[in-house]
Amino acid sequence: MATKYFKCVTHPFSVSYPSLHKPNTEGNFPSGKYEATALLDANEHAATLDAIKAAVNAAFDDKWPDGNREGKHDPINHLDDGTYKVKFKSKSAPVLQDATGVKLADDIIIGPGDLVRCACNVAAYEGPQSGVTIYLNKVRLIEKRSIGDGLDDFGGPETGFNQVTTEAVTSGINF
């Protein structure tokens, strides 16, 4: 039976752990895939959660009409604090766009905290581990909130303690 895909488009959310310009090959759990994670609040992101849940439920119901989800991977994780964690991923590089739908320039990096929308396909899969996954097709950068250049996450120097110009004060006590 051919894989059936269900479309899903999110509303804007603040992206977490994005690896959209190159596959995730670092950290504790490198997937080797392009990915983005959404940490969603049930109230604030209700429309996005509804869209994702509808596509995920349709994929489950299409593949397993008996409704048995026991032991199957669900891409929507309900966290202890009441929020939801959803991971979007793909083996192929997603199309990256600005807010108007124009291809994003290569030097603009989507970083953690940037406001994005995702266009995805949701599908069920079978194998040693069966379940549903969310394939990332396009990412639209709505608002650039991160620095994204990797040079200085703090946004430049600050006034205060400076180890180069501050002289050490000795107490006169030898230990």
Foldseek 3Di string as FASTA:
>chain_A
DDWDWDKFKADKAFKDPFDQLAAQPDDDDGPRWGKIKGWFACPVRVVRVVRLVVRQVVQCCVVPVVPDCPQADRQWDQDPVRIIMGMETANDRAQEEEQVRHGDDSQDAQDGGFIKMWMWIKHWDDDPHTGIHTYTHYIYGHGRDAPRNPPDRVPDDDDDDDPVPDDDDDPPDDD
